[in-house]
Amino acid sequence: MLPAHARTAACTQPSSTRPAVPPDRFVTGPVDHTRLHEGSSGTVAGVASRVAVIGSCCSGKTTLAGQLADVLCVPHIELDALHHGPSWREATAEELRARVDEALAGLDGWVTDGNYMGKLGTRLIDRADTIVWLDLPLRTLLPRIYRRSRRRMRDRVELWHPGNFETWHGIWLLSTYTLRTHHRRRRYWPPRFGGKNVVRLRSSREADTWLAEQRRQTAHRS
């Protein structure tokens, strides 16, 4: 049985008739020395069934991962839900690794969203067929952080577990963390990908275009 944090994607095809999803490289186009597939241009040749969606805070990871999981008919697993316990208690590295292992156990395909490489290392991305990197600019991310957190504060949205509410202090922490890590990730993440298939999307428009192409290709294969 899937844990509560793993949302099973809606699927209109029974598993016995769904086409096999090849784990090959699925975006062609401009590629730099790190083997990142830049942008949403190019031809999609297939979609991998184990996908890790990564990126800075408010880059749209959870939204894209949920929609992609629907396309692939696989569970969507949100790492924030595994990491944050009640009253914002953070999982230790050992706890988070165990929870990720449990969440992925027995699954042929999945889409995760979240980073946590400080605690997971490459444990998760090593299992992924494909990494989708939402690399949006700071001028997009910082206003989104404020608007999203302010809305959650206003509506008293409880996140994942009891006692998890956004605060003004939280907005400041998220903003400063994003400023501190944004450019650092651009330097340090690519070497960690180890030749994986990586789709690097630099705007919401690119992400929407890329996702629409996955829908089109999946519908064509079915």
N, C-alpha and C. Protein backbone atom coordinates (compact mmCIF):
# COMPACT_ATOMS: atom_id res chain seq x y z
N MET A 1 0.85 -1.20 0.00
CA MET A 1 0.00 0.00 0.00
C MET A 1 0.88 1.24 0.00
N LEU A 2 0.52 2.24 -0.81
CA LEU A 2 1.29 3.46 -0.85
C LEU A 2 1.07 4.27 0.42
N PRO A 3 2.14 4.91 0.94
CA PRO A 3 1.97 5.79 2.10
C PRO A 3 1.14 7.00 1.74
N ALA A 4 0.66 7.69 2.80
CA ALA A 4 -0.26 8.81 2.58
C ALA A 4 0.37 9.93 1.77
N HIS A 5 1.72 10.09 1.85
CA HIS A 5 2.36 11.19 1.15
C HIS A 5 2.54 10.91 -0.33
N ALA A 6 2.27 9.69 -0.77
CA ALA A 6 2.41 9.36 -2.19
C ALA A 6 1.05 9.44 -2.85
N ARG A 7 0.87 10.42 -3.70
CA ARG A 7 -0.41 10.60 -4.37
C ARG A 7 -0.41 9.76 -5.63
N THR A 8 -1.36 8.85 -5.73
CA THR A 8 -1.47 8.02 -6.92
C THR A 8 -2.10 8.82 -8.04
N ALA A 9 -1.40 8.89 -9.16
CA ALA A 9 -1.89 9.68 -10.28
C ALA A 9 -3.11 9.02 -10.90
N ALA A 10 -4.04 9.87 -11.35
CA ALA A 10 -5.20 9.37 -12.08
C ALA A 10 -4.74 8.82 -13.41
N CYS A 11 -5.25 7.67 -13.79
CA CYS A 11 -4.82 7.04 -15.03
C CYS A 11 -6.02 6.44 -15.73
N THR A 12 -6.13 6.74 -17.00
CA THR A 12 -7.30 6.27 -17.74
C THR A 12 -7.05 4.93 -18.40
N GLN A 13 -5.80 4.43 -18.35
CA GLN A 13 -5.51 3.15 -18.96
C GLN A 13 -5.20 2.12 -17.88
N PRO A 14 -5.75 0.91 -17.96
CA PRO A 14 -5.37 -0.12 -17.02
C PRO A 14 -3.91 -0.46 -17.18
N SER A 15 -3.26 -0.88 -16.07
CA SER A 15 -1.82 -1.11 -16.10
C SER A 15 -1.42 -2.16 -17.12
N SER A 16 -2.29 -3.13 -17.37
CA SER A 16 -1.94 -4.20 -18.30
C SER A 16 -1.87 -3.72 -19.74
N THR A 17 -2.52 -2.57 -20.06
CA THR A 17 -2.53 -2.09 -21.44
C THR A 17 -1.69 -0.85 -21.64
N ARG A 18 -1.14 -0.29 -20.56
CA ARG A 18 -0.31 0.89 -20.72
C ARG A 18 0.98 0.50 -21.43
N PRO A 19 1.46 1.31 -22.36
CA PRO A 19 2.68 0.99 -23.06
C PRO A 19 3.88 1.08 -22.14
N ALA A 20 4.88 0.24 -22.37
CA ALA A 20 6.11 0.33 -21.60
C ALA A 20 6.76 1.68 -21.88
N VAL A 21 7.34 2.29 -20.86
CA VAL A 21 7.94 3.60 -21.02
C VAL A 21 9.44 3.45 -21.06
N PRO A 22 10.07 3.71 -22.19
CA PRO A 22 11.50 3.50 -22.29
C PRO A 22 12.28 4.52 -21.48
N PRO A 23 13.37 4.10 -20.82
CA PRO A 23 14.16 5.01 -20.00
C PRO A 23 15.25 5.70 -20.79
N ASP A 24 15.06 5.89 -22.12
CA ASP A 24 16.12 6.47 -22.92
C ASP A 24 16.09 7.99 -22.85
N ARG A 25 17.07 8.62 -23.47
CA ARG A 25 17.13 10.08 -23.48
C ARG A 25 15.93 10.61 -24.27
N PHE A 26 15.24 11.59 -23.73
CA PHE A 26 13.97 11.96 -24.33
C PHE A 26 13.86 13.40 -24.76
N VAL A 27 14.93 14.16 -24.67
CA VAL A 27 14.91 15.50 -25.23
C VAL A 27 16.21 15.70 -26.00
N THR A 28 16.11 16.12 -27.24
CA THR A 28 17.30 16.45 -27.99
C THR A 28 17.32 17.94 -28.22
N GLY A 29 18.47 18.44 -28.56
CA GLY A 29 18.61 19.88 -28.75
C GLY A 29 19.95 20.33 -28.22
N PRO A 30 20.12 21.63 -27.93
CA PRO A 30 21.40 22.12 -27.46
C PRO A 30 21.80 21.44 -26.14
N VAL A 31 22.99 20.88 -26.11
CA VAL A 31 23.47 20.17 -24.92
C VAL A 31 24.87 20.65 -24.61
N ASP A 32 25.14 21.01 -23.36
CA ASP A 32 26.48 21.46 -23.01
C ASP A 32 27.29 20.27 -22.49
N HIS A 33 28.50 20.55 -21.97
CA HIS A 33 29.41 19.47 -21.60
C HIS A 33 28.90 18.65 -20.43
N THR A 34 27.92 19.14 -19.68
CA THR A 34 27.37 18.39 -18.56
C THR A 34 26.22 17.48 -19.00
N ARG A 35 25.91 17.48 -20.28
CA ARG A 35 24.84 16.65 -20.84
C ARG A 35 23.46 17.09 -20.34
N LEU A 36 23.30 18.38 -20.07
CA LEU A 36 21.99 18.91 -19.74
C LEU A 36 21.26 19.22 -21.03
N HIS A 37 19.99 18.82 -21.09
CA HIS A 37 19.16 19.13 -22.24
C HIS A 37 18.45 20.45 -21.94
N GLU A 38 18.86 21.51 -22.63
CA GLU A 38 18.41 22.85 -22.28
C GLU A 38 17.06 23.16 -22.90
N GLY A 39 16.16 23.68 -22.07
CA GLY A 39 14.90 24.22 -22.56
C GLY A 39 13.93 23.17 -23.04
N SER A 40 12.85 23.64 -23.63
CA SER A 40 11.77 22.76 -24.04
C SER A 40 11.78 22.47 -25.53
N SER A 41 12.78 23.00 -26.24
CA SER A 41 12.85 22.74 -27.67
C SER A 41 13.36 21.34 -27.92
N GLY A 42 13.14 20.85 -29.12
CA GLY A 42 13.64 19.53 -29.49
C GLY A 42 12.50 18.53 -29.56
N THR A 43 12.86 17.32 -29.93
CA THR A 43 11.88 16.26 -30.12
C THR A 43 11.90 15.31 -28.94
N VAL A 44 10.74 14.98 -28.44
CA VAL A 44 10.64 14.04 -27.33
C VAL A 44 10.52 12.64 -27.89
N ALA A 45 11.47 11.78 -27.51
CA ALA A 45 11.47 10.42 -28.05
C ALA A 45 10.87 9.40 -27.10
N GLY A 46 10.66 9.79 -25.87
CA GLY A 46 10.12 8.87 -24.88
C GLY A 46 10.20 9.51 -23.52
N VAL A 47 9.45 9.06 -22.56
CA VAL A 47 9.47 9.64 -21.22
C VAL A 47 9.84 8.56 -20.22
N ALA A 48 10.79 8.85 -19.39
CA ALA A 48 11.22 7.89 -18.39
C ALA A 48 10.14 7.73 -17.33
N SER A 49 10.17 6.61 -16.64
CA SER A 49 9.12 6.33 -15.65
C SER A 49 9.56 6.59 -14.22
N ARG A 50 10.84 6.93 -14.01
CA ARG A 50 11.32 7.30 -12.68
C ARG A 50 11.97 8.67 -12.81
N VAL A 51 11.28 9.68 -12.32
CA VAL A 51 11.69 11.06 -12.58
C VAL A 51 11.83 11.82 -11.27
N ALA A 52 12.96 12.51 -11.11
CA ALA A 52 13.19 13.38 -9.97
C ALA A 52 13.10 14.82 -10.44
N VAL A 53 12.15 15.58 -9.89
CA VAL A 53 11.99 16.99 -10.22
C VAL A 53 12.67 17.81 -9.13
N ILE A 54 13.64 18.62 -9.51
CA ILE A 54 14.41 19.39 -8.55
C ILE A 54 14.38 20.87 -8.92
N GLY A 55 14.80 21.72 -7.99
CA GLY A 55 14.83 23.15 -8.26
C GLY A 55 14.72 23.94 -6.98
N SER A 56 14.89 25.24 -7.07
CA SER A 56 14.81 26.11 -5.91
C SER A 56 13.38 26.22 -5.40
N CYS A 57 13.24 26.80 -4.24
CA CYS A 57 11.93 27.01 -3.63
C CYS A 57 11.05 27.84 -4.56
N CYS A 58 9.81 27.41 -4.74
CA CYS A 58 8.81 28.10 -5.54
C CYS A 58 9.13 28.10 -7.04
N SER A 59 9.91 27.13 -7.47
CA SER A 59 10.17 27.00 -8.91
C SER A 59 9.06 26.25 -9.62
N GLY A 60 8.14 25.65 -8.85
CA GLY A 60 7.03 24.92 -9.45
C GLY A 60 7.22 23.41 -9.45
N LYS A 61 8.10 22.92 -8.57
CA LYS A 61 8.41 21.49 -8.54
C LYS A 61 7.19 20.63 -8.28
N THR A 62 6.44 20.96 -7.23
CA THR A 62 5.31 20.11 -6.83
C THR A 62 4.22 20.11 -7.90
N THR A 63 3.95 21.26 -8.47
CA THR A 63 2.93 21.34 -9.51
C THR A 63 3.32 20.52 -10.73
N LEU A 64 4.55 20.71 -11.20
CA LEU A 64 5.00 19.98 -12.38
C LEU A 64 5.07 18.48 -12.11
N ALA A 65 5.58 18.11 -10.93
CA ALA A 65 5.70 16.69 -10.60
C ALA A 65 4.34 16.01 -10.54
N GLY A 66 3.36 16.68 -9.96
CA GLY A 66 2.02 16.11 -9.89
C GLY A 66 1.41 15.93 -11.26
N GLN A 67 1.60 16.93 -12.13
CA GLN A 67 1.04 16.84 -13.47
C GLN A 67 1.76 15.77 -14.29
N LEU A 68 3.07 15.67 -14.14
CA LEU A 68 3.82 14.66 -14.87
C LEU A 68 3.45 13.26 -14.40
N ALA A 69 3.23 13.10 -13.09
CA ALA A 69 2.80 11.81 -12.56
C ALA A 69 1.46 11.39 -13.18
N ASP A 70 0.57 12.35 -13.36
CA ASP A 70 -0.71 12.06 -14.02
C ASP A 70 -0.47 11.56 -15.44
N VAL A 71 0.45 12.20 -16.15
CA VAL A 71 0.74 11.81 -17.53
C VAL A 71 1.30 10.40 -17.58
N LEU A 72 2.22 10.09 -16.66
CA LEU A 72 2.90 8.78 -16.67
C LEU A 72 2.11 7.69 -15.95
N CYS A 73 1.03 8.08 -15.24
CA CYS A 73 0.25 7.12 -14.47
C CYS A 73 1.10 6.43 -13.39
N VAL A 74 1.86 7.24 -12.67
CA VAL A 74 2.69 6.72 -11.58
C VAL A 74 2.46 7.59 -10.35
N PRO A 75 2.84 7.11 -9.16
CA PRO A 75 2.66 7.92 -7.94
C PRO A 75 3.56 9.15 -7.93
N HIS A 76 3.05 10.20 -7.31
CA HIS A 76 3.81 11.43 -7.07
C HIS A 76 4.18 11.46 -5.59
N ILE A 77 5.46 11.56 -5.30
CA ILE A 77 5.94 11.54 -3.92
C ILE A 77 6.61 12.88 -3.62
N GLU A 78 6.09 13.57 -2.63
CA GLU A 78 6.56 14.90 -2.26
C GLU A 78 7.56 14.77 -1.10
N LEU A 79 8.80 15.12 -1.34
CA LEU A 79 9.84 14.94 -0.32
C LEU A 79 9.62 15.83 0.90
N ASP A 80 9.02 17.00 0.70
CA ASP A 80 8.74 17.87 1.85
C ASP A 80 7.87 17.16 2.88
N ALA A 81 6.93 16.35 2.40
CA ALA A 81 6.04 15.64 3.32
C ALA A 81 6.79 14.57 4.11
N LEU A 82 7.87 14.05 3.53
CA LEU A 82 8.70 13.06 4.23
C LEU A 82 9.66 13.73 5.20
N HIS A 83 10.08 14.92 4.87
CA HIS A 83 11.11 15.61 5.66
C HIS A 83 10.54 16.35 6.85
N HIS A 84 9.38 17.00 6.69
CA HIS A 84 8.81 17.83 7.75
C HIS A 84 7.78 17.03 8.54
N GLY A 85 8.05 16.86 9.83
CA GLY A 85 7.09 16.23 10.72
C GLY A 85 6.21 17.27 11.38
N PRO A 86 5.42 16.88 12.37
CA PRO A 86 4.56 17.84 13.08
C PRO A 86 5.39 18.97 13.69
N SER A 87 4.80 20.17 13.68
CA SER A 87 5.45 21.37 14.24
C SER A 87 6.82 21.61 13.62
N TRP A 88 6.95 21.29 12.36
CA TRP A 88 8.16 21.53 11.57
C TRP A 88 9.38 20.74 12.05
N ARG A 89 9.16 19.66 12.74
CA ARG A 89 10.31 18.83 13.12
C ARG A 89 10.91 18.22 11.85
N GLU A 90 12.21 18.44 11.67
CA GLU A 90 12.88 17.95 10.48
C GLU A 90 13.43 16.54 10.69
N ALA A 91 13.31 15.72 9.67
CA ALA A 91 13.86 14.38 9.73
C ALA A 91 15.38 14.45 9.70
N THR A 92 16.03 13.55 10.40
CA THR A 92 17.47 13.42 10.27
C THR A 92 17.80 12.81 8.92
N ALA A 93 19.06 12.84 8.55
CA ALA A 93 19.46 12.23 7.29
C ALA A 93 19.09 10.75 7.26
N GLU A 94 19.32 10.06 8.36
CA GLU A 94 19.00 8.64 8.43
C GLU A 94 17.50 8.41 8.30
N GLU A 95 16.70 9.24 8.99
CA GLU A 95 15.25 9.10 8.91
C GLU A 95 14.74 9.38 7.51
N LEU A 96 15.26 10.42 6.88
CA LEU A 96 14.78 10.78 5.55
C LEU A 96 15.13 9.69 4.54
N ARG A 97 16.32 9.16 4.62
CA ARG A 97 16.71 8.08 3.71
C ARG A 97 15.79 6.88 3.87
N ALA A 98 15.49 6.54 5.12
CA ALA A 98 14.61 5.39 5.36
C ALA A 98 13.20 5.66 4.82
N ARG A 99 12.70 6.89 4.98
CA ARG A 99 11.36 7.21 4.50
C ARG A 99 11.30 7.21 2.97
N VAL A 100 12.37 7.69 2.34
CA VAL A 100 12.41 7.66 0.88
C VAL A 100 12.44 6.22 0.38
N ASP A 101 13.26 5.40 1.02
CA ASP A 101 13.33 3.98 0.64
C ASP A 101 11.97 3.32 0.76
N GLU A 102 11.27 3.61 1.86
CA GLU A 102 9.95 3.01 2.08
C GLU A 102 8.95 3.50 1.05
N ALA A 103 9.01 4.80 0.73
CA ALA A 103 8.05 5.37 -0.22
C ALA A 103 8.23 4.79 -1.62
N LEU A 104 9.46 4.48 -1.99
CA LEU A 104 9.73 4.00 -3.35
C LEU A 104 9.70 2.48 -3.46
N ALA A 105 9.64 1.81 -2.33
CA ALA A 105 9.73 0.34 -2.34
C ALA A 105 8.59 -0.26 -3.17
N GLY A 106 8.95 -1.14 -4.07
CA GLY A 106 7.96 -1.87 -4.86
C GLY A 106 7.36 -1.11 -6.01
N LEU A 107 7.79 0.13 -6.24
CA LEU A 107 7.23 0.93 -7.33
C LEU A 107 8.07 0.79 -8.59
N ASP A 108 7.41 0.48 -9.70
CA ASP A 108 8.12 0.43 -10.97
C ASP A 108 8.39 1.83 -11.52
N GLY A 109 7.50 2.75 -11.20
CA GLY A 109 7.66 4.12 -11.67
C GLY A 109 7.22 5.10 -10.62
N TRP A 110 7.75 6.32 -10.67
CA TRP A 110 7.39 7.36 -9.71
C TRP A 110 7.90 8.70 -10.21
N VAL A 111 7.32 9.74 -9.63
CA VAL A 111 7.84 11.10 -9.83
C VAL A 111 7.99 11.72 -8.46
N THR A 112 9.18 12.17 -8.11
CA THR A 112 9.41 12.84 -6.84
C THR A 112 9.62 14.33 -7.09
N ASP A 113 9.36 15.13 -6.07
CA ASP A 113 9.75 16.54 -6.15
C ASP A 113 10.43 16.93 -4.85
N GLY A 114 11.51 17.67 -5.00
CA GLY A 114 12.29 18.10 -3.84
C GLY A 114 13.77 17.79 -4.04
N ASN A 115 14.60 18.41 -3.22
CA ASN A 115 16.05 18.29 -3.37
C ASN A 115 16.66 17.44 -2.25
N TYR A 116 16.93 18.06 -1.12
CA TYR A 116 17.47 17.41 0.08
C TYR A 116 18.74 16.61 -0.20
N MET A 117 19.58 17.11 -1.12
CA MET A 117 20.81 16.41 -1.40
C MET A 117 21.79 16.49 -0.24
N GLY A 118 21.61 17.48 0.63
CA GLY A 118 22.45 17.56 1.81
C GLY A 118 22.25 16.36 2.73
N LYS A 119 21.05 15.78 2.72
CA LYS A 119 20.75 14.61 3.56
C LYS A 119 20.70 13.32 2.75
N LEU A 120 20.28 13.42 1.51
CA LEU A 120 20.15 12.22 0.67
C LEU A 120 21.37 11.96 -0.19
N GLY A 121 22.22 12.99 -0.38
CA GLY A 121 23.29 12.84 -1.34
C GLY A 121 22.69 12.60 -2.71
N THR A 122 23.25 11.64 -3.45
CA THR A 122 22.70 11.28 -4.76
C THR A 122 21.85 10.02 -4.68
N ARG A 123 21.45 9.67 -3.48
CA ARG A 123 20.69 8.43 -3.26
C ARG A 123 19.43 8.37 -4.12
N LEU A 124 18.72 9.49 -4.24
CA LEU A 124 17.48 9.50 -5.00
C LEU A 124 17.74 9.67 -6.49
N ILE A 125 18.58 10.64 -6.85
CA ILE A 125 18.78 10.88 -8.28
C ILE A 125 19.50 9.72 -8.95
N ASP A 126 20.24 8.93 -8.17
CA ASP A 126 20.86 7.74 -8.75
C ASP A 126 19.81 6.71 -9.20
N ARG A 127 18.65 6.73 -8.55
CA ARG A 127 17.58 5.80 -8.92
C ARG A 127 16.73 6.30 -10.07
N ALA A 128 16.82 7.59 -10.33
CA ALA A 128 15.96 8.20 -11.36
C ALA A 128 16.50 7.90 -12.75
N ASP A 129 15.58 7.72 -13.69
CA ASP A 129 15.96 7.63 -15.10
C ASP A 129 16.23 9.02 -15.65
N THR A 130 15.49 9.99 -15.13
CA THR A 130 15.54 11.35 -15.67
C THR A 130 15.42 12.35 -14.53
N ILE A 131 16.15 13.44 -14.65
CA ILE A 131 16.06 14.56 -13.71
C ILE A 131 15.49 15.76 -14.46
N VAL A 132 14.46 16.35 -13.92
CA VAL A 132 13.90 17.58 -14.47
C VAL A 132 14.28 18.71 -13.52
N TRP A 133 15.09 19.63 -14.01
CA TRP A 133 15.63 20.72 -13.20
C TRP A 133 14.92 22.01 -13.58
N LEU A 134 14.12 22.52 -12.66
CA LEU A 134 13.45 23.80 -12.85
C LEU A 134 14.39 24.90 -12.36
N ASP A 135 15.07 25.53 -13.29
CA ASP A 135 16.11 26.50 -12.97
C ASP A 135 15.64 27.91 -13.31
N LEU A 136 14.64 28.36 -12.59
CA LEU A 136 14.06 29.67 -12.84
C LEU A 136 14.91 30.77 -12.21
N PRO A 137 14.83 32.01 -12.72
CA PRO A 137 15.65 33.10 -12.17
C PRO A 137 15.13 33.59 -10.83
N LEU A 138 16.03 34.23 -10.09
CA LEU A 138 15.66 34.76 -8.77
C LEU A 138 14.54 35.80 -8.88
N ARG A 139 14.51 36.56 -9.96
CA ARG A 139 13.47 37.58 -10.10
C ARG A 139 12.07 36.96 -10.17
N THR A 140 12.00 35.68 -10.52
CA THR A 140 10.73 34.96 -10.50
C THR A 140 10.50 34.29 -9.16
N LEU A 141 11.54 33.70 -8.59
CA LEU A 141 11.39 32.90 -7.38
C LEU A 141 11.04 33.74 -6.15
N LEU A 142 11.73 34.85 -5.94
CA LEU A 142 11.55 35.60 -4.69
C LEU A 142 10.15 36.17 -4.54
N PRO A 143 9.57 36.80 -5.57
CA PRO A 143 8.17 37.23 -5.43
C PRO A 143 7.21 36.07 -5.19
N ARG A 144 7.48 34.93 -5.82
CA ARG A 144 6.62 33.76 -5.60
C ARG A 144 6.67 33.30 -4.15
N ILE A 145 7.86 33.30 -3.56
CA ILE A 145 7.98 32.89 -2.16
C ILE A 145 7.10 33.76 -1.28
N TYR A 146 7.19 35.07 -1.49
CA TYR A 146 6.39 35.99 -0.67
C TYR A 146 4.90 35.75 -0.89
N ARG A 147 4.47 35.69 -2.16
CA ARG A 147 3.03 35.56 -2.43
C ARG A 147 2.48 34.24 -1.90
N ARG A 148 3.20 33.15 -2.12
CA ARG A 148 2.70 31.85 -1.67
C ARG A 148 2.62 31.78 -0.15
N SER A 149 3.69 32.22 0.51
CA SER A 149 3.71 32.14 1.98
C SER A 149 2.68 33.08 2.59
N ARG A 150 2.54 34.27 2.00
CA ARG A 150 1.56 35.23 2.52
C ARG A 150 0.15 34.67 2.38
N ARG A 151 -0.14 34.01 1.26
CA ARG A 151 -1.46 33.40 1.06
C ARG A 151 -1.70 32.28 2.07
N ARG A 152 -0.70 31.48 2.30
CA ARG A 152 -0.84 30.39 3.27
C ARG A 152 -1.04 30.93 4.68
N MET A 153 -0.37 32.01 5.01
CA MET A 153 -0.55 32.63 6.33
C MET A 153 -1.97 33.17 6.48
N ARG A 154 -2.43 33.84 5.45
CA ARG A 154 -3.77 34.44 5.48
C ARG A 154 -4.84 33.38 5.64
N ASP A 155 -4.68 32.26 4.92
CA ASP A 155 -5.69 31.20 4.91
C ASP A 155 -5.45 30.13 5.98
N ARG A 156 -4.42 30.31 6.78
CA ARG A 156 -4.09 29.35 7.85
C ARG A 156 -3.98 27.93 7.29
N VAL A 157 -3.17 27.81 6.24
CA VAL A 157 -2.96 26.51 5.60
C VAL A 157 -1.98 25.70 6.44
N GLU A 158 -2.39 24.49 6.80
CA GLU A 158 -1.53 23.59 7.56
C GLU A 158 -0.87 22.63 6.58
N LEU A 159 0.45 22.56 6.63
CA LEU A 159 1.21 21.84 5.63
C LEU A 159 1.67 20.47 6.13
N TRP A 160 1.15 19.43 5.53
CA TRP A 160 1.60 18.05 5.69
C TRP A 160 1.28 17.42 7.05
N HIS A 161 1.53 18.15 8.13
CA HIS A 161 1.34 17.58 9.47
C HIS A 161 0.83 18.66 10.42
N PRO A 162 0.24 18.26 11.54
CA PRO A 162 -0.29 19.25 12.49
C PRO A 162 0.77 20.23 12.97
N GLY A 163 0.37 21.50 13.04
CA GLY A 163 1.25 22.53 13.57
C GLY A 163 2.18 23.18 12.57
N ASN A 164 2.09 22.78 11.31
CA ASN A 164 2.99 23.34 10.29
C ASN A 164 2.30 24.50 9.57
N PHE A 165 2.52 25.70 10.09
CA PHE A 165 1.97 26.92 9.49
C PHE A 165 3.11 27.83 9.07
N GLU A 166 2.90 28.55 7.97
CA GLU A 166 3.89 29.52 7.52
C GLU A 166 3.90 30.73 8.45
N THR A 167 5.07 31.39 8.55
CA THR A 167 5.24 32.58 9.38
C THR A 167 6.08 33.61 8.63
N TRP A 168 6.08 34.84 9.16
CA TRP A 168 6.93 35.86 8.55
C TRP A 168 8.40 35.45 8.65
N HIS A 169 8.75 34.86 9.76
CA HIS A 169 10.13 34.39 9.92
C HIS A 169 10.45 33.32 8.87
N GLY A 170 9.47 32.47 8.59
CA GLY A 170 9.65 31.46 7.57
C GLY A 170 9.88 32.05 6.18
N ILE A 171 9.14 33.13 5.87
CA ILE A 171 9.34 33.80 4.58
C ILE A 171 10.78 34.31 4.48
N TRP A 172 11.27 34.90 5.55
CA TRP A 172 12.64 35.41 5.55
C TRP A 172 13.65 34.27 5.38
N LEU A 173 13.42 33.16 6.07
CA LEU A 173 14.34 32.02 5.97
C LEU A 173 14.36 31.45 4.55
N LEU A 174 13.17 31.27 3.96
CA LEU A 174 13.10 30.72 2.62
C LEU A 174 13.77 31.66 1.60
N SER A 175 13.54 32.96 1.77
CA SER A 175 14.11 33.93 0.83
C SER A 175 15.62 33.97 0.92
N THR A 176 16.16 34.03 2.13
CA THR A 176 17.61 34.09 2.29
C THR A 176 18.27 32.78 1.86
N TYR A 177 17.61 31.66 2.15
CA TYR A 177 18.15 30.36 1.72
C TYR A 177 18.20 30.28 0.20
N THR A 178 17.16 30.76 -0.46
CA THR A 178 17.13 30.74 -1.92
C THR A 178 18.23 31.63 -2.50
N LEU A 179 18.40 32.80 -1.92
CA LEU A 179 19.47 33.69 -2.38
C LEU A 179 20.84 33.05 -2.20
N ARG A 180 21.02 32.35 -1.11
CA ARG A 180 22.33 31.77 -0.77
C ARG A 180 22.67 30.57 -1.64
N THR A 181 21.66 29.81 -2.04
CA THR A 181 21.93 28.54 -2.72
C THR A 181 21.70 28.56 -4.22
N HIS A 182 21.04 29.58 -4.74
CA HIS A 182 20.61 29.55 -6.14
C HIS A 182 21.79 29.39 -7.10
N HIS A 183 22.76 30.28 -7.01
CA HIS A 183 23.89 30.23 -7.94
C HIS A 183 24.85 29.10 -7.57
N ARG A 184 24.92 28.77 -6.30
CA ARG A 184 25.78 27.66 -5.87
C ARG A 184 25.33 26.35 -6.52
N ARG A 185 24.02 26.14 -6.59
CA ARG A 185 23.50 24.92 -7.19
C ARG A 185 23.84 24.83 -8.66
N ARG A 186 23.86 25.96 -9.34
CA ARG A 186 24.21 25.94 -10.76
C ARG A 186 25.66 25.48 -10.97
N ARG A 187 26.50 25.71 -9.97
CA ARG A 187 27.88 25.25 -10.07
C ARG A 187 28.04 23.80 -9.64
N TYR A 188 27.36 23.42 -8.55
CA TYR A 188 27.65 22.14 -7.91
C TYR A 188 26.71 21.00 -8.30
N TRP A 189 25.53 21.31 -8.80
CA TRP A 189 24.61 20.22 -9.15
C TRP A 189 25.04 19.43 -10.40
N PRO A 190 25.38 20.08 -11.51
CA PRO A 190 25.66 19.30 -12.72
C PRO A 190 26.66 18.16 -12.53
N PRO A 191 27.78 18.34 -11.81
CA PRO A 191 28.69 17.19 -11.63
C PRO A 191 28.06 16.03 -10.88
N ARG A 192 27.03 16.29 -10.10
CA ARG A 192 26.38 15.21 -9.35
C ARG A 192 25.45 14.37 -10.22
N PHE A 193 25.10 14.88 -11.39
CA PHE A 193 24.12 14.18 -12.22
C PHE A 193 24.70 12.95 -12.89
N GLY A 194 26.00 12.87 -13.01
CA GLY A 194 26.66 11.65 -13.44
C GLY A 194 26.19 11.10 -14.77
N GLY A 195 25.99 11.95 -15.76
CA GLY A 195 25.58 11.48 -17.08
C GLY A 195 24.12 11.12 -17.19
N LYS A 196 23.32 11.47 -16.20
CA LYS A 196 21.88 11.21 -16.27
C LYS A 196 21.23 12.04 -17.37
N ASN A 197 20.04 11.62 -17.77
CA ASN A 197 19.22 12.44 -18.66
C ASN A 197 18.66 13.59 -17.85
N VAL A 198 19.03 14.81 -18.19
CA VAL A 198 18.61 15.97 -17.42
C VAL A 198 17.93 16.97 -18.35
N VAL A 199 16.71 17.34 -18.01
CA VAL A 199 15.99 18.39 -18.73
C VAL A 199 16.03 19.64 -17.86
N ARG A 200 16.62 20.70 -18.38
CA ARG A 200 16.78 21.95 -17.63
C ARG A 200 15.83 23.00 -18.18
N LEU A 201 14.84 23.37 -17.39
CA LEU A 201 13.80 24.31 -17.81
C LEU A 201 13.99 25.61 -17.06
N ARG A 202 14.11 26.71 -17.80
CA ARG A 202 14.51 27.98 -17.20
C ARG A 202 13.37 28.99 -17.05
N SER A 203 12.15 28.58 -17.35
CA SER A 203 11.01 29.48 -17.18
C SER A 203 9.74 28.65 -17.05
N SER A 204 8.69 29.27 -16.55
CA SER A 204 7.41 28.58 -16.46
C SER A 204 6.88 28.25 -17.84
N ARG A 205 7.14 29.10 -18.80
CA ARG A 205 6.68 28.84 -20.16
C ARG A 205 7.37 27.60 -20.72
N GLU A 206 8.67 27.48 -20.50
CA GLU A 206 9.37 26.28 -20.96
C GLU A 206 8.82 25.04 -20.29
N ALA A 207 8.54 25.14 -18.99
CA ALA A 207 8.00 23.99 -18.26
C ALA A 207 6.64 23.58 -18.82
N ASP A 208 5.78 24.57 -19.09
CA ASP A 208 4.45 24.27 -19.62
C ASP A 208 4.55 23.64 -21.01
N THR A 209 5.45 24.16 -21.84
CA THR A 209 5.63 23.63 -23.19
C THR A 209 6.15 22.20 -23.14
N TRP A 210 7.12 21.98 -22.28
CA TRP A 210 7.69 20.63 -22.15
C TRP A 210 6.65 19.63 -21.66
N LEU A 211 5.87 20.02 -20.66
CA LEU A 211 4.84 19.12 -20.13
C LEU A 211 3.78 18.82 -21.19
N ALA A 212 3.40 19.83 -21.96
CA ALA A 212 2.42 19.61 -23.02
C ALA A 212 2.94 18.61 -24.04
N GLU A 213 4.25 18.65 -24.30
CA GLU A 213 4.84 17.70 -25.24
C GLU A 213 4.83 16.29 -24.67
N GLN A 214 5.04 16.16 -23.36
CA GLN A 214 4.96 14.83 -22.74
C GLN A 214 3.55 14.27 -22.88
N ARG A 215 2.55 15.11 -22.68
CA ARG A 215 1.17 14.67 -22.85
C ARG A 215 0.91 14.21 -24.28
N ARG A 216 1.40 14.99 -25.22
CA ARG A 216 1.17 14.67 -26.62
C ARG A 216 1.85 13.34 -26.99
N GLN A 217 3.09 13.17 -26.57
CA GLN A 217 3.83 11.96 -26.89
C GLN A 217 3.21 10.73 -26.22
N THR A 218 2.77 10.90 -24.97
CA THR A 218 2.17 9.77 -24.26
C THR A 218 0.85 9.37 -24.92
N ALA A 219 0.04 10.36 -25.32
CA ALA A 219 -1.21 10.07 -26.00
C ALA A 219 -0.95 9.38 -27.34
N HIS A 220 0.11 9.79 -28.02
CA HIS A 220 0.43 9.20 -29.32
C HIS A 220 0.86 7.74 -29.16
N ARG A 221 1.65 7.44 -28.10
CA ARG A 221 2.10 6.08 -27.89
C ARG A 221 0.97 5.15 -27.48
N SER A 222 -0.06 5.72 -26.82
CA SER A 222 -1.16 4.88 -26.36
C SER A 222 -2.13 4.54 -27.50
